[in-house]
Amino acid sequence: MNINQRRCTSELKPPTKYLFVSVVFGGFGLISLWGKVIAHRREVTLDAAAGQVTISRVSAFFRPKQRSYPLEMFGSVQSYILQGKFPINRVELVTKTGGEALMLALFEPANVASSFFSLPREGENKLAERLRQEIAGQLGLLDRGFLGNRMFGAQLKD
């Protein structure tokens, strides 16, 4: 009987092991989903009349957070593709000193090809281009345009 009991307990261990692994991977998935939900709750308000840029977001526990910057601090707006496994088209306000930037919006890059026979490369999303041009025109900022593929520099805190 002692041998049979050992077989039964050894047969029960693998399912609990798989259950533990699935709980761990499920937890990582939930954390990733939680992060995306929080990121989508970020809003940027550009108020020319008040002369302020306000970032409203929530913490990990959905407590509201807000930070404001004077609009006179910024001199230009730019767009570029941040390379990586999942490239992203970023639109940013750049400080007058040029040392730091404030992320305004993220878009999927547009895949463009110079000809039918060439491979597609990432280009500026049309919505990102329109946003960049509208911000530059309405706020009187320099439009630095689309800078292509590059790494992001120093960022201002939200």
Protein backbone atom coordinates (compact mmCIF):
# COMPACT_ATOMS: atom_id res chain seq x y z
CA MET A 1 0.00 0.00 0.00
CA ASN A 2 2.80 2.40 0.72
CA ILE A 3 4.05 2.10 -2.87
CA ASN A 4 0.58 2.85 -4.29
CA GLN A 5 0.28 5.94 -2.13
CA ARG A 6 3.57 7.25 -3.46
CA ARG A 7 2.38 6.77 -7.04
CA CYS A 8 -0.78 8.70 -6.34
CA THR A 9 1.04 11.63 -4.81
CA SER A 10 3.59 11.73 -7.64
CA GLU A 11 0.75 11.75 -10.16
CA LEU A 12 -0.80 14.79 -8.44
CA LYS A 13 2.33 16.92 -8.49
CA PRO A 14 2.57 17.65 -12.23
CA PRO A 15 -0.93 19.19 -12.51
CA THR A 16 -0.23 21.49 -9.56
CA LYS A 17 3.07 22.43 -11.18
CA TYR A 18 1.27 23.38 -14.41
CA LEU A 19 -1.34 25.24 -12.43
CA PHE A 20 1.40 27.27 -10.72
CA VAL A 21 3.07 28.06 -14.07
CA SER A 22 -0.25 29.13 -15.61
CA VAL A 23 -0.97 31.37 -12.59
CA VAL A 24 2.46 33.02 -12.93
CA PHE A 25 2.05 33.66 -16.67
CA GLY A 26 -1.54 34.79 -16.16
CA GLY A 27 -0.28 37.24 -13.52
CA PHE A 28 2.23 38.71 -15.98
CA GLY A 29 -0.55 39.10 -18.53
CA LEU A 30 -2.78 40.89 -16.02
CA ILE A 31 0.05 43.24 -15.02
CA SER A 32 0.68 44.05 -18.69
CA LEU A 33 -3.04 44.69 -19.27
CA TRP A 34 -3.18 46.85 -16.12
CA GLY A 35 -0.29 48.96 -17.43
CA LYS A 36 -2.04 49.48 -20.77
CA VAL A 37 -5.27 50.55 -19.06
CA ILE A 38 -3.34 53.10 -16.98
CA ALA A 39 -1.44 54.38 -20.04
CA HIS A 40 -4.70 54.97 -21.93
CA ARG A 41 -5.97 57.18 -19.12
CA ARG A 42 -3.24 59.79 -19.77
CA GLU A 43 -4.45 63.11 -21.21
CA VAL A 44 -2.50 66.15 -22.34
CA THR A 45 -4.23 69.55 -22.44
CA LEU A 46 -2.63 72.44 -24.33
CA ASP A 47 -4.26 75.68 -23.19
CA ALA A 48 -2.97 78.68 -25.15
CA ALA A 49 -5.17 81.14 -23.23
CA ALA A 50 -3.80 80.01 -19.84
CA GLY A 51 -0.32 79.42 -21.28
CA GLN A 52 -0.07 75.94 -19.79
CA VAL A 53 0.46 72.33 -20.76
CA THR A 54 -1.30 70.01 -18.31
CA ILE A 55 -0.79 66.26 -18.08
CA SER A 56 -3.54 64.34 -16.30
CA ARG A 57 -3.02 60.66 -15.55
CA VAL A 58 -3.76 58.06 -12.91
CA SER A 59 -1.49 56.10 -10.59
CA ALA A 60 -1.40 52.30 -10.46
CA PHE A 61 -4.36 52.43 -8.05
CA PHE A 62 -6.29 54.94 -10.22
CA ARG A 63 -5.58 57.97 -8.04
CA PRO A 64 -5.62 61.09 -10.23
CA LYS A 65 -2.31 62.88 -10.76
CA GLN A 66 -1.73 66.14 -12.56
CA ARG A 67 1.33 68.13 -13.57
CA SER A 68 1.51 71.47 -15.40
CA TYR A 69 4.23 73.21 -17.36
CA PRO A 70 4.27 76.77 -18.69
CA LEU A 71 3.74 76.81 -22.45
CA GLU A 72 6.51 79.40 -22.83
CA MET A 73 8.95 76.68 -21.77
CA PHE A 74 8.53 74.93 -25.16
CA GLY A 75 9.86 76.10 -28.50
CA SER A 76 9.05 73.36 -30.98
CA VAL A 77 7.10 70.20 -31.73
CA GLN A 78 8.50 67.08 -33.41
CA SER A 79 7.59 63.58 -34.48
CA TYR A 80 9.78 60.49 -34.87
CA ILE A 81 9.72 56.70 -34.85
CA LEU A 82 11.05 55.02 -31.73
CA GLN A 83 12.56 51.75 -32.96
CA GLY A 84 12.26 48.46 -31.16
CA LYS A 85 10.34 45.22 -31.31
CA PHE A 86 7.14 47.26 -31.58
CA PRO A 87 8.06 50.62 -33.21
CA ILE A 88 5.96 53.61 -32.20
CA ASN A 89 5.46 57.09 -33.68
CA ARG A 90 5.95 59.68 -30.90
CA VAL A 91 4.83 63.33 -31.02
CA GLU A 92 6.64 65.58 -28.52
CA LEU A 93 6.95 69.17 -27.39
CA VAL A 94 10.61 70.17 -27.13
CA THR A 95 11.89 72.72 -24.62
CA LYS A 96 13.43 75.94 -25.93
CA THR A 97 16.84 74.81 -24.71
CA GLY A 98 16.36 71.60 -26.71
CA GLY A 99 17.51 69.40 -23.87
CA GLU A 100 14.20 67.81 -22.88
CA ALA A 101 10.89 66.81 -24.44
CA LEU A 102 7.35 66.13 -23.28
CA MET A 103 5.52 63.25 -24.93
CA LEU A 104 2.11 64.29 -26.26
CA ALA A 105 0.83 61.25 -28.15
CA LEU A 106 1.76 57.82 -29.50
CA PHE A 107 0.67 56.38 -32.85
CA GLU A 108 1.30 53.28 -34.90
CA PRO A 109 3.88 54.12 -37.59
CA ALA A 110 2.72 54.14 -41.20
CA ASN A 111 4.36 51.54 -43.41
CA VAL A 112 5.43 53.17 -46.63
CA ALA A 113 7.44 51.92 -49.57
CA SER A 114 9.21 54.14 -52.08
CA SER A 115 8.08 51.86 -54.93
CA PHE A 116 6.11 48.69 -55.52
CA PHE A 117 9.31 46.60 -55.60
CA SER A 118 10.90 48.02 -52.45
CA LEU A 119 10.39 46.82 -48.90
CA PRO A 120 8.14 48.93 -46.67
CA ARG A 121 9.76 51.09 -44.03
CA GLU A 122 8.17 52.91 -41.14
CA GLY A 123 7.02 56.45 -41.80
CA GLU A 124 5.07 59.10 -39.96
CA ASN A 125 1.45 58.31 -39.18
CA LYS A 126 -0.92 60.77 -40.90
CA LEU A 127 -2.66 61.52 -37.56
CA ALA A 128 0.72 62.26 -35.95
CA GLU A 129 1.59 64.59 -38.82
CA ARG A 130 -1.74 66.40 -38.55
CA LEU A 131 -1.41 66.76 -34.76
CA ARG A 132 2.15 68.07 -35.05
CA GLN A 133 1.19 70.64 -37.68
CA GLU A 134 -1.93 71.75 -35.81
CA ILE A 135 -0.02 72.27 -32.54
CA ALA A 136 2.72 74.24 -34.31
CA GLY A 137 0.20 76.43 -36.11
CA GLN A 138 -2.13 77.15 -33.21
CA LEU A 139 0.52 77.65 -30.53
CA GLY A 140 3.10 79.41 -32.70
CA LEU A 141 5.78 76.77 -32.14
CA LEU A 142 8.49 75.75 -34.59
CA ASP A 143 7.51 72.57 -36.45
CA ARG A 144 10.66 70.44 -36.52
CA GLY A 145 8.80 67.94 -38.70
CA PHE A 146 9.25 64.20 -38.88
CA LEU A 147 12.75 63.20 -37.79
CA GLY A 148 12.69 59.58 -38.98
CA ASN A 149 13.97 56.75 -36.81
CA ARG A 150 15.77 57.69 -33.62
CA MET A 151 16.06 57.06 -29.90
CA PHE A 152 14.25 59.32 -27.47
CA GLY A 153 16.22 61.77 -25.37
CA ALA A 154 15.66 63.27 -21.95
CA GLN A 155 11.97 63.40 -21.04
CA LEU A 156 10.11 65.70 -18.68
CA LYS A 157 8.19 63.98 -15.89
CA ASP A 158 4.45 63.54 -16.12
